[in-house]
Amino acid sequence: MKRAEILVNGLVQGVGFRYFVVRLAEKFGLKGYTKNLYTGEVYTVVEGELAMIEEFFNKIKIGPSHADVKNASIEWSDFQNEFTKFEVRY
C-alpha cells in the first residue's frame, strides 16, 4: 500500500476533470481526495495498492475528452490509512 500526491496542469478546470478522477479512483478502489487549486491546477491525494495508483496515474495523464493535460507529476510516500473514501474537496 502506498500514498501519492498528484499535480496536473493544463486545461483541467471547468471540464469535469475532478469528477473523472473520482470515477477512476472508485474504479481502482483508491481512497483520498481531489481539488482545484487557485493556480488552475488539480491536486489529488490518493492511497491504495501501488499497481492501482500507477494505472490511475496513467489515466489521469490523459484526462477526460474535454481536458488538455499538459503536465502531470506524482510524488510517492508511505501509506497513512488516512481516508475512508474518495471525494472532491473545495
N, C-alpha and C. Protein backbone atom coordinates (compact mmCIF):
# COMPACT_ATOMS: atom_id res chain seq x y z
N MET A 1 0.85 -1.18 0.00
CA MET A 1 0.00 0.00 0.00
C MET A 1 0.89 1.24 0.00
N LYS A 2 0.48 2.23 -0.80
CA LYS A 2 1.26 3.47 -0.95
C LYS A 2 0.33 4.67 -0.91
N ARG A 3 0.95 5.83 -0.84
CA ARG A 3 0.25 7.11 -0.91
C ARG A 3 0.94 7.91 -2.00
N ALA A 4 0.16 8.68 -2.74
CA ALA A 4 0.73 9.52 -3.79
C ALA A 4 0.03 10.87 -3.82
N GLU A 5 0.80 11.90 -4.13
CA GLU A 5 0.25 13.24 -4.37
C GLU A 5 0.48 13.52 -5.85
N ILE A 6 -0.61 13.88 -6.53
CA ILE A 6 -0.57 14.08 -7.97
C ILE A 6 -0.97 15.52 -8.28
N LEU A 7 -0.20 16.17 -9.13
CA LEU A 7 -0.49 17.53 -9.55
C LEU A 7 -0.59 17.54 -11.07
N VAL A 8 -1.69 18.07 -11.58
CA VAL A 8 -1.95 18.08 -13.02
C VAL A 8 -2.21 19.51 -13.46
N ASN A 9 -1.58 19.92 -14.58
CA ASN A 9 -1.90 21.24 -15.12
C ASN A 9 -2.20 21.15 -16.60
N GLY A 10 -2.70 22.25 -17.12
CA GLY A 10 -3.21 22.32 -18.49
C GLY A 10 -4.64 22.80 -18.42
N LEU A 11 -5.46 22.40 -19.38
CA LEU A 11 -6.89 22.73 -19.34
C LEU A 11 -7.57 21.63 -18.52
N VAL A 12 -7.57 21.82 -17.19
CA VAL A 12 -8.08 20.78 -16.29
C VAL A 12 -9.15 21.30 -15.32
N GLN A 13 -9.51 22.56 -15.44
CA GLN A 13 -10.60 23.09 -14.61
C GLN A 13 -11.74 23.50 -15.53
N GLY A 14 -12.97 23.21 -15.07
CA GLY A 14 -14.15 23.56 -15.86
C GLY A 14 -14.46 22.55 -16.96
N VAL A 15 -13.83 21.38 -16.91
CA VAL A 15 -14.03 20.37 -17.96
C VAL A 15 -14.44 19.01 -17.37
N GLY A 16 -14.82 18.99 -16.09
CA GLY A 16 -15.23 17.74 -15.44
C GLY A 16 -14.06 16.86 -15.01
N PHE A 17 -12.88 17.46 -14.88
CA PHE A 17 -11.68 16.67 -14.56
C PHE A 17 -11.78 16.02 -13.18
N ARG A 18 -12.21 16.78 -12.17
CA ARG A 18 -12.28 16.20 -10.82
C ARG A 18 -13.25 15.03 -10.75
N TYR A 19 -14.36 15.11 -11.47
CA TYR A 19 -15.33 14.02 -11.43
C TYR A 19 -14.83 12.81 -12.21
N PHE A 20 -14.03 13.05 -13.22
CA PHE A 20 -13.32 11.99 -13.94
C PHE A 20 -12.38 11.27 -12.96
N VAL A 21 -11.67 12.04 -12.15
CA VAL A 21 -10.74 11.49 -11.16
C VAL A 21 -11.49 10.66 -10.13
N VAL A 22 -12.64 11.16 -9.66
CA VAL A 22 -13.45 10.41 -8.68
C VAL A 22 -13.87 9.07 -9.25
N ARG A 23 -14.38 9.06 -10.47
CA ARG A 23 -14.82 7.80 -11.09
C ARG A 23 -13.65 6.81 -11.23
N LEU A 24 -12.49 7.33 -11.63
CA LEU A 24 -11.31 6.47 -11.75
C LEU A 24 -10.89 5.89 -10.40
N ALA A 25 -10.87 6.74 -9.39
CA ALA A 25 -10.47 6.29 -8.05
C ALA A 25 -11.39 5.18 -7.56
N GLU A 26 -12.68 5.36 -7.78
CA GLU A 26 -13.65 4.33 -7.36
C GLU A 26 -13.42 3.05 -8.15
N LYS A 27 -13.14 3.17 -9.44
CA LYS A 27 -12.88 2.01 -10.29
C LYS A 27 -11.67 1.21 -9.79
N PHE A 28 -10.63 1.92 -9.35
CA PHE A 28 -9.40 1.27 -8.92
C PHE A 28 -9.35 1.00 -7.41
N GLY A 29 -10.44 1.29 -6.70
CA GLY A 29 -10.50 1.02 -5.26
C GLY A 29 -9.59 1.89 -4.42
N LEU A 30 -9.40 3.13 -4.85
CA LEU A 30 -8.50 4.05 -4.15
C LEU A 30 -9.27 5.02 -3.27
N LYS A 31 -8.59 5.55 -2.27
CA LYS A 31 -9.21 6.50 -1.34
C LYS A 31 -8.38 7.76 -1.29
N GLY A 32 -9.04 8.89 -1.01
CA GLY A 32 -8.35 10.16 -0.91
C GLY A 32 -9.25 11.29 -1.35
N TYR A 33 -8.66 12.29 -2.02
CA TYR A 33 -9.46 13.42 -2.49
C TYR A 33 -8.77 14.11 -3.66
N THR A 34 -9.57 14.93 -4.35
CA THR A 34 -9.06 15.77 -5.43
C THR A 34 -9.66 17.15 -5.28
N LYS A 35 -8.92 18.18 -5.68
CA LYS A 35 -9.45 19.55 -5.59
C LYS A 35 -8.76 20.46 -6.59
N ASN A 36 -9.48 21.52 -6.97
CA ASN A 36 -8.91 22.55 -7.82
C ASN A 36 -8.02 23.46 -6.97
N LEU A 37 -6.93 23.92 -7.55
CA LEU A 37 -6.08 24.91 -6.89
C LEU A 37 -6.26 26.26 -7.57
N TYR A 38 -6.01 27.33 -6.85
CA TYR A 38 -6.17 28.67 -7.41
C TYR A 38 -5.22 28.91 -8.58
N THR A 39 -4.20 28.09 -8.73
CA THR A 39 -3.22 28.22 -9.82
C THR A 39 -3.75 27.68 -11.14
N GLY A 40 -4.95 27.03 -11.09
CA GLY A 40 -5.50 26.43 -12.30
C GLY A 40 -5.18 24.96 -12.42
N GLU A 41 -4.45 24.43 -11.44
CA GLU A 41 -4.08 23.02 -11.44
C GLU A 41 -5.10 22.20 -10.64
N VAL A 42 -5.02 20.88 -10.80
CA VAL A 42 -5.82 19.97 -9.99
C VAL A 42 -4.86 19.13 -9.16
N TYR A 43 -5.13 19.08 -7.84
CA TYR A 43 -4.30 18.37 -6.88
C TYR A 43 -5.07 17.17 -6.36
N THR A 44 -4.41 16.02 -6.32
CA THR A 44 -5.06 14.79 -5.87
C THR A 44 -4.14 14.08 -4.88
N VAL A 45 -4.72 13.63 -3.78
CA VAL A 45 -4.02 12.77 -2.83
C VAL A 45 -4.75 11.43 -2.85
N VAL A 46 -4.00 10.36 -3.02
CA VAL A 46 -4.61 9.05 -3.17
C VAL A 46 -3.83 8.01 -2.39
N GLU A 47 -4.57 7.05 -1.82
CA GLU A 47 -3.95 5.93 -1.13
C GLU A 47 -4.54 4.63 -1.63
N GLY A 48 -3.69 3.60 -1.71
CA GLY A 48 -4.16 2.29 -2.14
C GLY A 48 -3.01 1.44 -2.60
N GLU A 49 -3.33 0.39 -3.35
CA GLU A 49 -2.30 -0.51 -3.86
C GLU A 49 -1.45 0.20 -4.91
N LEU A 50 -0.15 -0.04 -4.84
CA LEU A 50 0.79 0.60 -5.75
C LEU A 50 0.40 0.43 -7.22
N ALA A 51 0.10 -0.78 -7.64
CA ALA A 51 -0.25 -1.05 -9.04
C ALA A 51 -1.50 -0.28 -9.46
N MET A 52 -2.47 -0.16 -8.55
CA MET A 52 -3.71 0.56 -8.87
C MET A 52 -3.44 2.06 -9.00
N ILE A 53 -2.58 2.59 -8.14
CA ILE A 53 -2.24 4.02 -8.23
C ILE A 53 -1.49 4.29 -9.53
N GLU A 54 -0.62 3.38 -9.93
CA GLU A 54 0.11 3.57 -11.19
C GLU A 54 -0.84 3.59 -12.38
N GLU A 55 -1.81 2.68 -12.42
CA GLU A 55 -2.80 2.68 -13.51
C GLU A 55 -3.65 3.95 -13.47
N PHE A 56 -4.07 4.34 -12.27
CA PHE A 56 -4.84 5.57 -12.04
C PHE A 56 -4.07 6.77 -12.61
N PHE A 57 -2.78 6.86 -12.28
CA PHE A 57 -1.95 7.98 -12.75
C PHE A 57 -1.83 7.98 -14.28
N ASN A 58 -1.67 6.82 -14.88
CA ASN A 58 -1.59 6.74 -16.34
C ASN A 58 -2.86 7.26 -17.00
N LYS A 59 -4.02 6.99 -16.42
CA LYS A 59 -5.28 7.50 -16.97
C LYS A 59 -5.42 9.00 -16.74
N ILE A 60 -4.98 9.47 -15.58
CA ILE A 60 -5.05 10.90 -15.26
C ILE A 60 -4.20 11.71 -16.25
N LYS A 61 -3.06 11.18 -16.65
CA LYS A 61 -2.18 11.89 -17.59
C LYS A 61 -2.87 12.13 -18.93
N ILE A 62 -3.88 11.33 -19.25
CA ILE A 62 -4.66 11.50 -20.48
C ILE A 62 -5.84 12.42 -20.21
N GLY A 63 -6.58 12.17 -19.13
CA GLY A 63 -7.71 13.00 -18.73
C GLY A 63 -8.96 12.70 -19.54
N PRO A 64 -10.07 13.36 -19.18
CA PRO A 64 -11.31 13.20 -19.93
C PRO A 64 -11.22 13.90 -21.28
N SER A 65 -12.18 13.66 -22.12
CA SER A 65 -12.12 14.14 -23.51
C SER A 65 -12.02 15.66 -23.65
N HIS A 66 -12.62 16.43 -22.75
CA HIS A 66 -12.60 17.89 -22.88
C HIS A 66 -11.38 18.53 -22.22
N ALA A 67 -10.59 17.75 -21.53
CA ALA A 67 -9.40 18.27 -20.87
C ALA A 67 -8.20 18.24 -21.82
N ASP A 68 -7.19 19.03 -21.49
CA ASP A 68 -5.93 19.02 -22.21
C ASP A 68 -4.81 19.03 -21.17
N VAL A 69 -4.38 17.85 -20.75
CA VAL A 69 -3.35 17.73 -19.72
C VAL A 69 -1.99 18.06 -20.34
N LYS A 70 -1.34 19.07 -19.79
CA LYS A 70 -0.01 19.47 -20.26
C LYS A 70 1.08 18.76 -19.47
N ASN A 71 0.87 18.62 -18.17
CA ASN A 71 1.88 18.00 -17.32
C ASN A 71 1.20 17.35 -16.11
N ALA A 72 1.74 16.21 -15.71
CA ALA A 72 1.24 15.52 -14.51
C ALA A 72 2.44 14.99 -13.76
N SER A 73 2.49 15.28 -12.46
CA SER A 73 3.61 14.80 -11.65
C SER A 73 3.06 14.00 -10.48
N ILE A 74 3.88 13.08 -9.99
CA ILE A 74 3.47 12.23 -8.87
C ILE A 74 4.60 12.16 -7.87
N GLU A 75 4.25 12.28 -6.59
CA GLU A 75 5.21 12.12 -5.51
C GLU A 75 4.71 11.01 -4.60
N TRP A 76 5.57 10.04 -4.35
CA TRP A 76 5.21 8.88 -3.55
C TRP A 76 5.59 9.08 -2.09
N SER A 77 4.77 8.50 -1.20
CA SER A 77 5.11 8.49 0.22
C SER A 77 4.49 7.25 0.86
N ASP A 78 4.72 7.11 2.14
CA ASP A 78 4.22 5.94 2.86
C ASP A 78 2.71 6.02 3.07
N PHE A 79 2.07 4.88 2.99
CA PHE A 79 0.64 4.74 3.24
C PHE A 79 0.33 5.20 4.67
N GLN A 80 -0.72 6.01 4.82
CA GLN A 80 -1.08 6.53 6.14
C GLN A 80 -2.46 6.08 6.60
N ASN A 81 -3.21 5.42 5.72
CA ASN A 81 -4.58 4.97 6.04
C ASN A 81 -5.43 6.12 6.58
N GLU A 82 -5.33 7.25 5.91
CA GLU A 82 -5.99 8.48 6.35
C GLU A 82 -7.45 8.58 5.90
N PHE A 83 -7.83 7.91 4.82
CA PHE A 83 -9.12 8.15 4.19
C PHE A 83 -10.04 6.93 4.26
N THR A 84 -11.35 7.22 4.24
CA THR A 84 -12.35 6.14 4.21
C THR A 84 -13.05 6.05 2.86
N LYS A 85 -12.85 7.10 2.02
CA LYS A 85 -13.49 7.14 0.70
C LYS A 85 -12.69 8.08 -0.19
N PHE A 86 -13.18 8.27 -1.42
CA PHE A 86 -12.58 9.25 -2.32
C PHE A 86 -13.60 10.34 -2.57
N GLU A 87 -13.17 11.60 -2.49
CA GLU A 87 -14.11 12.72 -2.60
C GLU A 87 -13.50 13.93 -3.29
N VAL A 88 -14.37 14.83 -3.69
CA VAL A 88 -13.95 16.13 -4.20
C VAL A 88 -13.95 17.07 -3.01
N ARG A 89 -12.88 17.81 -2.86
CA ARG A 89 -12.81 18.84 -1.81
C ARG A 89 -12.79 20.21 -2.47
N TYR A 90 -13.30 21.19 -1.74
CA TYR A 90 -13.41 22.55 -2.26
C TYR A 90 -12.60 23.52 -1.43
